[in-house]
Amino acid sequence: MPDTFPAIAPDTKSKRQRAARILQADFGDGYAQAGPDGINTTVENWDLSFENYPISDVTTLTAFLDAQASYKSFYWTPPNEATPKLWRQDGDYTVGYPGPLTRSLSVKIKRVYSL
């Protein structure tokens, strides 16, 4: 069973990217035919930002991400949504040191589908 992302809300600088995955065939006469590529055709990514958070919050987040090791999926509920979805870290995360009592973290996650 996948873990659940810590209950620390990202800041308002976080961004969601969403696109549909399609297959398209282009014909020589200028016509094209397109359709969905697979069952789950929505590609969704989030660039999560946690700027100037308490050190304890960022430590909790980095420990969680380290435990997932970029290959384990986890549950996370996006802002303004009620149902958690399955996600996985997409690449590295970055920690900043803006002050003596705060830290910043940025990480990209992508939606995954699993059986």
PDB file of N, CA and C in Angstrom:
ATOM      1  N   MET A   1       0.850  -1.184   0.000  1.00  0.00           N
ATOM      2  CA  MET A   1       0.000   0.000   0.000  1.00  0.00           C
ATOM      3  C   MET A   1       0.894   1.244   0.000  1.00  0.00           C
ATOM      4  N   PRO A   2       0.670   2.170  -0.903  1.00  0.00           N
ATOM      5  CA  PRO A   2       1.477   3.393  -0.959  1.00  0.00           C
ATOM      6  C   PRO A   2       1.289   4.267   0.280  1.00  0.00           C
ATOM      7  N   ASP A   3       2.348   4.999   0.620  1.00  0.00           N
ATOM      8  CA  ASP A   3       2.295   5.958   1.717  1.00  0.00           C
ATOM      9  C   ASP A   3       1.479   7.182   1.300  1.00  0.00           C
ATOM     10  N   THR A   4       1.199   8.039   2.277  1.00  0.00           N
ATOM     11  CA  THR A   4       0.488   9.289   2.025  1.00  0.00           C
ATOM     12  C   THR A   4       1.437  10.452   2.266  1.00  0.00           C
ATOM     13  N   PHE A   5       1.439  11.400   1.338  1.00  0.00           N
ATOM     14  CA  PHE A   5       2.269  12.596   1.436  1.00  0.00           C
ATOM     15  C   PHE A   5       1.951  13.309   2.746  1.00  0.00           C
ATOM     16  N   PRO A   6       2.949  13.867   3.431  1.00  0.00           N
ATOM     17  CA  PRO A   6       2.685  14.566   4.698  1.00  0.00           C
ATOM     18  C   PRO A   6       1.640  15.684   4.533  1.00  0.00           C
ATOM     19  N   ALA A   7       0.884  15.910   5.575  1.00  0.00           N
ATOM     20  CA  ALA A   7      -0.206  16.902   5.550  1.00  0.00           C
ATOM     21  C   ALA A   7       0.342  18.315   5.726  1.00  0.00           C
ATOM     22  N   ILE A   8       1.199  18.703   4.791  1.00  0.00           N
ATOM     23  CA  ILE A   8       1.780  20.048   4.772  1.00  0.00           C
ATOM     24  C   ILE A   8       1.391  20.660   3.432  1.00  0.00           C
ATOM     25  N   ALA A   9       0.582  21.692   3.473  1.00  0.00           N
ATOM     26  CA  ALA A   9       0.057  22.287   2.233  1.00  0.00           C
ATOM     27  C   ALA A   9       1.150  23.062   1.499  1.00  0.00           C
ATOM     28  N   PRO A  10       1.255  22.879   0.183  1.00  0.00           N
ATOM     29  CA  PRO A  10       2.214  23.675  -0.589  1.00  0.00           C
ATOM     30  C   PRO A  10       1.764  25.132  -0.660  1.00  0.00           C
ATOM     31  N   ASP A  11       2.718  26.014  -0.979  1.00  0.00           N
ATOM     32  CA  ASP A  11       2.341  27.424  -1.057  1.00  0.00           C
ATOM     33  C   ASP A  11       1.686  27.753  -2.392  1.00  0.00           C
ATOM     34  N   THR A  12       1.268  28.999  -2.526  1.00  0.00           N
ATOM     35  CA  THR A  12       0.487  29.418  -3.695  1.00  0.00           C
ATOM     36  C   THR A  12       1.322  29.532  -4.965  1.00  0.00           C
ATOM     37  N   LYS A  13       2.625  29.376  -4.878  1.00  0.00           N
ATOM     38  CA  LYS A  13       3.476  29.402  -6.074  1.00  0.00           C
ATOM     39  C   LYS A  13       3.505  28.045  -6.779  1.00  0.00           C
ATOM     40  N   SER A  14       2.897  27.043  -6.194  1.00  0.00           N
ATOM     41  CA  SER A  14       2.842  25.717  -6.810  1.00  0.00           C
ATOM     42  C   SER A  14       2.021  25.775  -8.090  1.00  0.00           C
ATOM     43  N   LYS A  15       2.421  24.973  -9.075  1.00  0.00           N
ATOM     44  CA  LYS A  15       1.750  25.012 -10.373  1.00  0.00           C
ATOM     45  C   LYS A  15       1.384  23.617 -10.841  1.00  0.00           C
ATOM     46  N   ARG A  16       0.237  23.525 -11.493  1.00  0.00           N
ATOM     47  CA  ARG A  16      -0.213  22.267 -12.086  1.00  0.00           C
ATOM     48  C   ARG A  16      -0.139  22.370 -13.602  1.00  0.00           C
ATOM     49  N   GLN A  17       0.375  21.324 -14.235  1.00  0.00           N
ATOM     50  CA  GLN A  17       0.353  21.215 -15.686  1.00  0.00           C
ATOM     51  C   GLN A  17      -0.491  19.990 -16.022  1.00  0.00           C
ATOM     52  N   ARG A  18      -1.372  20.149 -16.988  1.00  0.00           N
ATOM     53  CA  ARG A  18      -2.264  19.058 -17.368  1.00  0.00           C
ATOM     54  C   ARG A  18      -2.392  19.033 -18.885  1.00  0.00           C
ATOM     55  N   ALA A  19      -2.326  17.831 -19.452  1.00  0.00           N
ATOM     56  CA  ALA A  19      -2.445  17.673 -20.903  1.00  0.00           C
ATOM     57  C   ALA A  19      -3.096  16.328 -21.201  1.00  0.00           C
ATOM     58  N   ALA A  20      -3.647  16.219 -22.399  1.00  0.00           N
ATOM     59  CA  ALA A  20      -4.221  14.947 -22.852  1.00  0.00           C
ATOM     60  C   ALA A  20      -3.199  14.242 -23.738  1.00  0.00           C
ATOM     61  N   ARG A  21      -3.039  12.961 -23.519  1.00  0.00           N
ATOM     62  CA  ARG A  21      -2.141  12.152 -24.344  1.00  0.00           C
ATOM     63  C   ARG A  21      -2.958  11.576 -25.500  1.00  0.00           C
ATOM     64  N   ILE A  22      -2.545  11.893 -26.727  1.00  0.00           N
ATOM     65  CA  ILE A  22      -3.304  11.450 -27.896  1.00  0.00           C
ATOM     66  C   ILE A  22      -2.381  10.783 -28.912  1.00  0.00           C
ATOM     67  N   LEU A  23      -2.978  10.023 -29.791  1.00  0.00           N
ATOM     68  CA  LEU A  23      -2.310   9.490 -30.970  1.00  0.00           C
ATOM     69  C   LEU A  23      -2.916  10.198 -32.174  1.00  0.00           C
ATOM     70  N   GLN A  24      -2.067  10.574 -33.128  1.00  0.00           N
ATOM     71  CA  GLN A  24      -2.570  11.291 -34.294  1.00  0.00           C
ATOM     72  C   GLN A  24      -1.914  10.751 -35.557  1.00  0.00           C
ATOM     73  N   ALA A  25      -2.727  10.552 -36.568  1.00  0.00           N
ATOM     74  CA  ALA A  25      -2.240  10.145 -37.887  1.00  0.00           C
ATOM     75  C   ALA A  25      -2.517  11.280 -38.863  1.00  0.00           C
ATOM     76  N   ASP A  26      -1.464  11.784 -39.492  1.00  0.00           N
ATOM     77  CA  ASP A  26      -1.607  12.848 -40.487  1.00  0.00           C
ATOM     78  C   ASP A  26      -1.583  12.220 -41.880  1.00  0.00           C
ATOM     79  N   PHE A  27      -2.501  12.665 -42.716  1.00  0.00           N
ATOM     80  CA  PHE A  27      -2.594  12.144 -44.079  1.00  0.00           C
ATOM     81  C   PHE A  27      -2.072  13.183 -45.068  1.00  0.00           C
ATOM     82  N   GLY A  28      -1.639  12.727 -46.208  1.00  0.00           N
ATOM     83  CA  GLY A  28      -1.019  13.588 -47.210  1.00  0.00           C
ATOM     84  C   GLY A  28      -1.908  14.687 -47.741  1.00  0.00           C
ATOM     85  N   ASP A  29      -3.212  14.537 -47.654  1.00  0.00           N
ATOM     86  CA  ASP A  29      -4.113  15.543 -48.210  1.00  0.00           C
ATOM     87  C   ASP A  29      -4.506  16.619 -47.191  1.00  0.00           C
ATOM     88  N   GLY A  30      -3.791  16.675 -46.046  1.00  0.00           N
ATOM     89  CA  GLY A  30      -4.062  17.700 -45.041  1.00  0.00           C
ATOM     90  C   GLY A  30      -5.003  17.267 -43.937  1.00  0.00           C
ATOM     91  N   TYR A  31      -5.599  16.097 -44.082  1.00  0.00           N
ATOM     92  CA  TYR A  31      -6.498  15.607 -43.045  1.00  0.00           C
ATOM     93  C   TYR A  31      -5.691  14.899 -41.957  1.00  0.00           C
ATOM     94  N   ALA A  32      -6.282  14.824 -40.770  1.00  0.00           N
ATOM     95  CA  ALA A  32      -5.662  14.133 -39.648  1.00  0.00           C
ATOM     96  C   ALA A  32      -6.741  13.399 -38.870  1.00  0.00           C
ATOM     97  N   GLN A  33      -6.332  12.328 -38.245  1.00  0.00           N
ATOM     98  CA  GLN A  33      -7.240  11.580 -37.378  1.00  0.00           C
ATOM     99  C   GLN A  33      -6.560  11.454 -36.024  1.00  0.00           C
ATOM    100  N   ALA A  34      -7.283  11.766 -34.944  1.00  0.00           N
ATOM    101  CA  ALA A  34      -6.719  11.726 -33.602  1.00  0.00           C
ATOM    102  C   ALA A  34      -7.641  10.962 -32.674  1.00  0.00           C
ATOM    103  N   GLY A  35      -7.052  10.383 -31.651  1.00  0.00           N
ATOM    104  CA  GLY A  35      -7.816   9.664 -30.644  1.00  0.00           C
ATOM    105  C   GLY A  35      -7.011   9.540 -29.365  1.00  0.00           C
ATOM    106  N   PRO A  36      -7.650   9.112 -28.288  1.00  0.00           N
ATOM    107  CA  PRO A  36      -6.947   8.985 -27.005  1.00  0.00           C
ATOM    108  C   PRO A  36      -5.887   7.885 -27.068  1.00  0.00           C
ATOM    109  N   ASP A  37      -4.798   8.099 -26.352  1.00  0.00           N
ATOM    110  CA  ASP A  37      -3.704   7.131 -26.284  1.00  0.00           C
ATOM    111  C   ASP A  37      -3.803   6.358 -24.969  1.00  0.00           C
ATOM    112  N   GLY A  38      -4.515   5.250 -24.976  1.00  0.00           N
ATOM    113  CA  GLY A  38      -4.638   4.421 -23.787  1.00  0.00           C
ATOM    114  C   GLY A  38      -5.904   4.681 -22.999  1.00  0.00           C
ATOM    115  N   ILE A  39      -5.941   4.105 -21.806  1.00  0.00           N
ATOM    116  CA  ILE A  39      -7.119   4.214 -20.948  1.00  0.00           C
ATOM    117  C   ILE A  39      -7.075   5.512 -20.141  1.00  0.00           C
ATOM    118  N   ASN A  40      -5.940   5.776 -19.503  1.00  0.00           N
ATOM    119  CA  ASN A  40      -5.773   6.975 -18.680  1.00  0.00           C
ATOM    120  C   ASN A  40      -4.994   8.002 -19.502  1.00  0.00           C
ATOM    121  N   THR A  41      -5.707   8.864 -20.176  1.00  0.00           N
ATOM    122  CA  THR A  41      -5.072   9.756 -21.147  1.00  0.00           C
ATOM    123  C   THR A  41      -4.672  11.115 -20.584  1.00  0.00           C
ATOM    124  N   THR A  42      -4.968  11.386 -19.343  1.00  0.00           N
ATOM    125  CA  THR A  42      -4.612  12.676 -18.757  1.00  0.00           C
ATOM    126  C   THR A  42      -3.225  12.587 -18.133  1.00  0.00           C
ATOM    127  N   VAL A  43      -2.335  13.458 -18.593  1.00  0.00           N
ATOM    128  CA  VAL A  43      -0.994  13.585 -18.022  1.00  0.00           C
ATOM    129  C   VAL A  43      -1.036  14.795 -17.103  1.00  0.00           C
ATOM    130  N   GLU A  44      -0.703  14.584 -15.833  1.00  0.00           N
ATOM    131  CA  GLU A  44      -0.796  15.668 -14.849  1.00  0.00           C
ATOM    132  C   GLU A  44       0.491  15.734 -14.043  1.00  0.00           C
ATOM    133  N   ASN A  45       1.039  16.924 -13.923  1.00  0.00           N
ATOM    134  CA  ASN A  45       2.248  17.179 -13.133  1.00  0.00           C
ATOM    135  C   ASN A  45       2.013  18.370 -12.219  1.00  0.00           C
ATOM    136  N   TRP A  46       2.686  18.368 -11.097  1.00  0.00           N
ATOM    137  CA  TRP A  46       2.670  19.507 -10.183  1.00  0.00           C
ATOM    138  C   TRP A  46       4.105  19.892  -9.872  1.00  0.00           C
ATOM    139  N   ASP A  47       4.395  21.191  -9.917  1.00  0.00           N
ATOM    140  CA  ASP A  47       5.631  21.750  -9.387  1.00  0.00           C
ATOM    141  C   ASP A  47       5.267  22.281  -8.012  1.00  0.00           C
ATOM    142  N   LEU A  48       5.599  21.512  -6.968  1.00  0.00           N
ATOM    143  CA  LEU A  48       5.237  21.906  -5.608  1.00  0.00           C
ATOM    144  C   LEU A  48       6.308  22.815  -5.028  1.00  0.00           C
ATOM    145  N   SER A  49       5.863  23.859  -4.345  1.00  0.00           N
ATOM    146  CA  SER A  49       6.762  24.832  -3.745  1.00  0.00           C
ATOM    147  C   SER A  49       6.400  25.005  -2.270  1.00  0.00           C
ATOM    148  N   PHE A  50       7.417  24.970  -1.439  1.00  0.00           N
ATOM    149  CA  PHE A  50       7.250  25.197  -0.004  1.00  0.00           C
ATOM    150  C   PHE A  50       8.307  26.240   0.385  1.00  0.00           C
ATOM    151  N   GLU A  51       7.979  27.523   0.263  1.00  0.00           N
ATOM    152  CA  GLU A  51       8.956  28.583   0.520  1.00  0.00           C
ATOM    153  C   GLU A  51       8.803  29.144   1.916  1.00  0.00           C
ATOM    154  N   ASN A  52       9.941  29.283   2.607  1.00  0.00           N
ATOM    155  CA  ASN A  52      10.004  29.853   3.962  1.00  0.00           C
ATOM    156  C   ASN A  52       9.148  29.079   4.959  1.00  0.00           C
ATOM    157  N   TYR A  53       9.246  27.772   4.915  1.00  0.00           N
ATOM    158  CA  TYR A  53       8.534  26.913   5.865  1.00  0.00           C
ATOM    159  C   TYR A  53       9.441  26.623   7.051  1.00  0.00           C
ATOM    160  N   PRO A  54       8.865  26.270   8.199  1.00  0.00           N
ATOM    161  CA  PRO A  54       9.696  25.903   9.348  1.00  0.00           C
ATOM    162  C   PRO A  54      10.619  24.726   8.999  1.00  0.00           C
ATOM    163  N   ILE A  55      11.774  24.722   9.615  1.00  0.00           N
ATOM    164  CA  ILE A  55      12.746  23.660   9.355  1.00  0.00           C
ATOM    165  C   ILE A  55      12.128  22.287   9.583  1.00  0.00           C
ATOM    166  N   SER A  56      11.301  22.142  10.616  1.00  0.00           N
ATOM    167  CA  SER A  56      10.694  20.839  10.920  1.00  0.00           C
ATOM    168  C   SER A  56       9.798  20.356   9.786  1.00  0.00           C
ATOM    169  N   ASP A  57       9.064  21.257   9.142  1.00  0.00           N
ATOM    170  CA  ASP A  57       8.205  20.861   8.015  1.00  0.00           C
ATOM    171  C   ASP A  57       9.035  20.379   6.835  1.00  0.00           C
ATOM    172  N   VAL A  58      10.078  21.124   6.496  1.00  0.00           N
ATOM    173  CA  VAL A  58      10.913  20.743   5.358  1.00  0.00           C
ATOM    174  C   VAL A  58      11.670  19.456   5.657  1.00  0.00           C
ATOM    175  N   THR A  59      12.080  19.262   6.898  1.00  0.00           N
ATOM    176  CA  THR A  59      12.736  18.009   7.283  1.00  0.00           C
ATOM    177  C   THR A  59      11.774  16.833   7.125  1.00  0.00           C
ATOM    178  N   THR A  60      10.530  17.017   7.513  1.00  0.00           N
ATOM    179  CA  THR A  60       9.507  15.975   7.341  1.00  0.00           C
ATOM    180  C   THR A  60       9.327  15.646   5.861  1.00  0.00           C
ATOM    181  N   LEU A  61       9.247  16.684   5.022  1.00  0.00           N
ATOM    182  CA  LEU A  61       9.055  16.478   3.580  1.00  0.00           C
ATOM    183  C   LEU A  61      10.252  15.781   2.941  1.00  0.00           C
ATOM    184  N   THR A  62      11.461  16.203   3.278  1.00  0.00           N
ATOM    185  CA  THR A  62      12.643  15.575   2.671  1.00  0.00           C
ATOM    186  C   THR A  62      12.793  14.127   3.131  1.00  0.00           C
ATOM    187  N   ALA A  63      12.476  13.840   4.393  1.00  0.00           N
ATOM    188  CA  ALA A  63      12.540  12.456   4.871  1.00  0.00           C
ATOM    189  C   ALA A  63      11.533  11.588   4.112  1.00  0.00           C
ATOM    190  N   PHE A  64      10.344  12.131   3.868  1.00  0.00           N
ATOM    191  CA  PHE A  64       9.329  11.394   3.116  1.00  0.00           C
ATOM    192  C   PHE A  64       9.804  11.134   1.688  1.00  0.00           C
ATOM    193  N   LEU A  65      10.298  12.178   1.015  1.00  0.00           N
ATOM    194  CA  LEU A  65      10.759  12.025  -0.370  1.00  0.00           C
ATOM    195  C   LEU A  65      11.948  11.077  -0.466  1.00  0.00           C
ATOM    196  N   ASP A  66      12.854  11.140   0.498  1.00  0.00           N
ATOM    197  CA  ASP A  66      13.991  10.214   0.501  1.00  0.00           C
ATOM    198  C   ASP A  66      13.518   8.769   0.653  1.00  0.00           C
ATOM    199  N   ALA A  67      12.504   8.556   1.488  1.00  0.00           N
ATOM    200  CA  ALA A  67      11.974   7.200   1.688  1.00  0.00           C
ATOM    201  C   ALA A  67      11.298   6.673   0.422  1.00  0.00           C
ATOM    202  N   GLN A  68      10.737   7.569  -0.397  1.00  0.00           N
ATOM    203  CA  GLN A  68      10.081   7.144  -1.644  1.00  0.00           C
ATOM    204  C   GLN A  68      11.106   6.846  -2.734  1.00  0.00           C
ATOM    205  N   ALA A  69      12.297   7.411  -2.616  1.00  0.00           N
ATOM    206  CA  ALA A  69      13.429   7.140  -3.515  1.00  0.00           C
ATOM    207  C   ALA A  69      13.101   7.367  -4.994  1.00  0.00           C
ATOM    208  N   SER A  70      12.192   8.259  -5.288  1.00  0.00           N
ATOM    209  CA  SER A  70      11.807   8.646  -6.663  1.00  0.00           C
ATOM    210  C   SER A  70      11.142   7.542  -7.485  1.00  0.00           C
ATOM    211  N   TYR A  71      10.957   6.358  -6.921  1.00  0.00           N
ATOM    212  CA  TYR A  71      10.306   5.300  -7.697  1.00  0.00           C
ATOM    213  C   TYR A  71       9.040   4.776  -7.040  1.00  0.00           C
ATOM    214  N   LYS A  72       8.854   5.025  -5.764  1.00  0.00           N
ATOM    215  CA  LYS A  72       7.642   4.557  -5.080  1.00  0.00           C
ATOM    216  C   LYS A  72       6.531   5.589  -5.242  1.00  0.00           C
ATOM    217  N   SER A  73       5.345   5.110  -5.493  1.00  0.00           N
ATOM    218  CA  SER A  73       4.207   6.025  -5.613  1.00  0.00           C
ATOM    219  C   SER A  73       3.624   6.307  -4.229  1.00  0.00           C
ATOM    220  N   PHE A  74       2.913   7.425  -4.134  1.00  0.00           N
ATOM    221  CA  PHE A  74       2.306   7.837  -2.875  1.00  0.00           C
ATOM    222  C   PHE A  74       0.993   8.562  -3.167  1.00  0.00           C
ATOM    223  N   TYR A  75       0.151   8.636  -2.147  1.00  0.00           N
ATOM    224  CA  TYR A  75      -1.110   9.364  -2.270  1.00  0.00           C
ATOM    225  C   TYR A  75      -0.906  10.817  -1.858  1.00  0.00           C
ATOM    226  N   TRP A  76      -1.504  11.705  -2.651  1.00  0.00           N
ATOM    227  CA  TRP A  76      -1.498  13.138  -2.343  1.00  0.00           C
ATOM    228  C   TRP A  76      -2.791  13.724  -2.888  1.00  0.00           C
ATOM    229  N   THR A  77      -3.375  14.639  -2.114  1.00  0.00           N
ATOM    230  CA  THR A  77      -4.604  15.317  -2.534  1.00  0.00           C
ATOM    231  C   THR A  77      -4.260  16.732  -2.987  1.00  0.00           C
ATOM    232  N   PRO A  78      -4.447  17.044  -4.269  1.00  0.00           N
ATOM    233  CA  PRO A  78      -4.156  18.400  -4.754  1.00  0.00           C
ATOM    234  C   PRO A  78      -5.046  19.444  -4.088  1.00  0.00           C
ATOM    235  N   PRO A  79      -4.585  20.701  -4.067  1.00  0.00           N
ATOM    236  CA  PRO A  79      -5.407  21.774  -3.486  1.00  0.00           C
ATOM    237  C   PRO A  79      -6.781  21.849  -4.147  1.00  0.00           C
ATOM    238  N   ASN A  80      -7.776  22.108  -3.360  1.00  0.00           N
ATOM    239  CA  ASN A  80      -9.171  22.269  -3.800  1.00  0.00           C
ATOM    240  C   ASN A  80      -9.773  20.992  -4.376  1.00  0.00           C
ATOM    241  N   GLU A  81      -9.208  19.859  -4.049  1.00  0.00           N
ATOM    242  CA  GLU A  81      -9.778  18.575  -4.444  1.00  0.00           C
ATOM    243  C   GLU A  81     -10.014  17.750  -3.192  1.00  0.00           C
ATOM    244  N   ALA A  82     -10.934  16.808  -3.272  1.00  0.00           N
ATOM    245  CA  ALA A  82     -11.298  16.023  -2.098  1.00  0.00           C
ATOM    246  C   ALA A  82     -10.720  14.609  -2.119  1.00  0.00           C
ATOM    247  N   THR A  83     -10.396  14.114  -3.300  1.00  0.00           N
ATOM    248  CA  THR A  83      -9.973  12.726  -3.430  1.00  0.00           C
ATOM    249  C   THR A  83      -8.471  12.621  -3.671  1.00  0.00           C
ATOM    250  N   PRO A  84      -7.767  11.822  -2.856  1.00  0.00           N
ATOM    251  CA  PRO A  84      -6.334  11.651  -3.109  1.00  0.00           C
ATOM    252  C   PRO A  84      -6.088  10.872  -4.401  1.00  0.00           C
ATOM    253  N   LYS A  85      -4.991  11.198  -5.062  1.00  0.00           N
ATOM    254  CA  LYS A  85      -4.578  10.516  -6.281  1.00  0.00           C
ATOM    255  C   LYS A  85      -3.187   9.933  -6.063  1.00  0.00           C
ATOM    256  N   LEU A  86      -2.788   9.052  -6.960  1.00  0.00           N
ATOM    257  CA  LEU A  86      -1.491   8.405  -6.864  1.00  0.00           C
ATOM    258  C   LEU A  86      -0.455   9.214  -7.639  1.00  0.00           C
ATOM    259  N   TRP A  87       0.692   9.493  -7.008  1.00  0.00           N
ATOM    260  CA  TRP A  87       1.741  10.338  -7.573  1.00  0.00           C
ATOM    261  C   TRP A  87       3.104   9.683  -7.364  1.00  0.00           C
ATOM    262  N   ARG A  88       4.096  10.201  -8.105  1.00  0.00           N
ATOM    263  CA  ARG A  88       5.482   9.777  -7.917  1.00  0.00           C
ATOM    264  C   ARG A  88       6.362  10.997  -8.176  1.00  0.00           C
ATOM    265  N   GLN A  89       7.460  11.085  -7.430  1.00  0.00           N
ATOM    266  CA  GLN A  89       8.409  12.176  -7.630  1.00  0.00           C
ATOM    267  C   GLN A  89       9.000  12.074  -9.022  1.00  0.00           C
ATOM    268  N   ASP A  90       9.141  13.217  -9.689  1.00  0.00           N
ATOM    269  CA  ASP A  90       9.673  13.264 -11.055  1.00  0.00           C
ATOM    270  C   ASP A  90      10.980  14.050 -11.037  1.00  0.00           C
ATOM    271  N   GLY A  91      12.089  13.371 -10.792  1.00  0.00           N
ATOM    272  CA  GLY A  91      13.390  14.043 -10.742  1.00  0.00           C
ATOM    273  C   GLY A  91      13.814  14.395  -9.330  1.00  0.00           C
ATOM    274  N   ASP A  92      14.691  15.365  -9.256  1.00  0.00           N
ATOM    275  CA  ASP A  92      15.264  15.781  -7.971  1.00  0.00           C
ATOM    276  C   ASP A  92      14.338  16.718  -7.215  1.00  0.00           C
ATOM    277  N   TYR A  93      14.655  16.900  -5.936  1.00  0.00           N
ATOM    278  CA  TYR A  93      14.043  17.994  -5.189  1.00  0.00           C
ATOM    279  C   TYR A  93      15.158  18.942  -4.768  1.00  0.00           C
ATOM    280  N   THR A  94      14.781  20.191  -4.511  1.00  0.00           N
ATOM    281  CA  THR A  94      15.756  21.217  -4.171  1.00  0.00           C
ATOM    282  C   THR A  94      15.381  21.837  -2.833  1.00  0.00           C
ATOM    283  N   VAL A  95      16.378  21.984  -1.962  1.00  0.00           N
ATOM    284  CA  VAL A  95      16.172  22.624  -0.664  1.00  0.00           C
ATOM    285  C   VAL A  95      16.961  23.932  -0.650  1.00  0.00           C
ATOM    286  N   GLY A  96      16.289  25.012  -0.231  1.00  0.00           N
ATOM    287  CA  GLY A  96      16.931  26.317  -0.088  1.00  0.00           C
ATOM    288  C   GLY A  96      16.990  26.709   1.379  1.00  0.00           C
ATOM    289  N   TYR A  97      17.895  27.628   1.681  1.00  0.00           N
ATOM    290  CA  TYR A  97      18.116  28.066   3.055  1.00  0.00           C
ATOM    291  C   TYR A  97      17.932  29.584   3.145  1.00  0.00           C
ATOM    292  N   PRO A  98      16.677  30.075   3.120  1.00  0.00           N
ATOM    293  CA  PRO A  98      16.436  31.515   3.094  1.00  0.00           C
ATOM    294  C   PRO A  98      16.696  32.237   4.418  1.00  0.00           C
ATOM    295  N   GLY A  99      16.712  31.513   5.516  1.00  0.00           N
ATOM    296  CA  GLY A  99      16.917  32.156   6.809  1.00  0.00           C
ATOM    297  C   GLY A  99      17.342  31.153   7.856  1.00  0.00           C
ATOM    298  N   PRO A 100      17.700  31.615   9.045  1.00  0.00           N
ATOM    299  CA  PRO A 100      18.180  30.694  10.074  1.00  0.00           C
ATOM    300  C   PRO A 100      17.111  29.752  10.618  1.00  0.00           C
ATOM    301  N   LEU A 101      15.842  30.106  10.508  1.00  0.00           N
ATOM    302  CA  LEU A 101      14.776  29.281  11.079  1.00  0.00           C
ATOM    303  C   LEU A 101      13.832  28.711  10.028  1.00  0.00           C
ATOM    304  N   THR A 102      14.118  28.982   8.755  1.00  0.00           N
ATOM    305  CA  THR A 102      13.232  28.507   7.695  1.00  0.00           C
ATOM    306  C   THR A 102      14.023  27.819   6.598  1.00  0.00           C
ATOM    307  N   ARG A 103      13.297  26.997   5.849  1.00  0.00           N
ATOM    308  CA  ARG A 103      13.865  26.315   4.679  1.00  0.00           C
ATOM    309  C   ARG A 103      12.827  26.377   3.567  1.00  0.00           C
ATOM    310  N   SER A 104      13.288  26.175   2.342  1.00  0.00           N
ATOM    311  CA  SER A 104      12.398  26.103   1.182  1.00  0.00           C
ATOM    312  C   SER A 104      12.648  24.791   0.468  1.00  0.00           C
ATOM    313  N   LEU A 105      11.594  24.271  -0.161  1.00  0.00           N
ATOM    314  CA  LEU A 105      11.710  23.012  -0.885  1.00  0.00           C
ATOM    315  C   LEU A 105      10.902  23.137  -2.164  1.00  0.00           C
ATOM    316  N   SER A 106      11.439  22.620  -3.252  1.00  0.00           N
ATOM    317  CA  SER A 106      10.663  22.519  -4.480  1.00  0.00           C
ATOM    318  C   SER A 106      10.856  21.117  -5.036  1.00  0.00           C
ATOM    319  N   VAL A 107       9.767  20.550  -5.539  1.00  0.00           N
ATOM    320  CA  VAL A 107       9.795  19.192  -6.069  1.00  0.00           C
ATOM    321  C   VAL A 107       8.713  19.065  -7.153  1.00  0.00           C
ATOM    322  N   LYS A 108       9.002  18.291  -8.164  1.00  0.00           N
ATOM    323  CA  LYS A 108       8.024  18.032  -9.215  1.00  0.00           C
ATOM    324  C   LYS A 108       7.496  16.607  -9.021  1.00  0.00           C
ATOM    325  N   ILE A 109       6.170  16.476  -9.063  1.00  0.00           N
ATOM    326  CA  ILE A 109       5.548  15.149  -8.968  1.00  0.00           C
ATOM    327  C   ILE A 109       4.666  14.932 -10.174  1.00  0.00           C
ATOM    328  N   LYS A 110       4.478  13.676 -10.555  1.00  0.00           N
ATOM    329  CA  LYS A 110       3.619  13.362 -11.700  1.00  0.00           C
ATOM    330  C   LYS A 110       2.602  12.318 -11.295  1.00  0.00           C
ATOM    331  N   ARG A 111       1.439  12.413 -11.886  1.00  0.00           N
ATOM    332  CA  ARG A 111       0.354  11.468 -11.611  1.00  0.00           C
ATOM    333  C   ARG A 111       0.683  10.124 -12.254  1.00  0.00           C
ATOM    334  N   VAL A 112       0.447   9.066 -11.499  1.00  0.00           N
ATOM    335  CA  VAL A 112       0.688   7.721 -12.024  1.00  0.00           C
ATOM    336  C   VAL A 112      -0.568   6.902 -11.844  1.00  0.00           C
ATOM    337  N   TYR A 113      -0.679   5.899 -12.655  1.00  0.00           N
ATOM    338  CA  TYR A 113      -1.807   4.966 -12.607  1.00  0.00           C
ATOM    339  C   TYR A 113      -1.241   3.587 -12.358  1.00  0.00           C
ATOM    340  N   SER A 114      -1.846   2.860 -11.449  1.00  0.00           N
ATOM    341  CA  SER A 114      -1.332   1.548 -11.100  1.00  0.00           C
ATOM    342  C   SER A 114      -2.479   0.573 -10.903  1.00  0.00           C
ATOM    343  N   LEU A 115      -2.183  -0.674 -11.097  1.00  0.00           N
ATOM    344  CA  LEU A 115      -3.184  -1.725 -10.879  1.00  0.00           C
ATOM    345  C   LEU A 115      -3.339  -2.021  -9.415  1.00  0.00           C
TER     346      LEU A 115
END
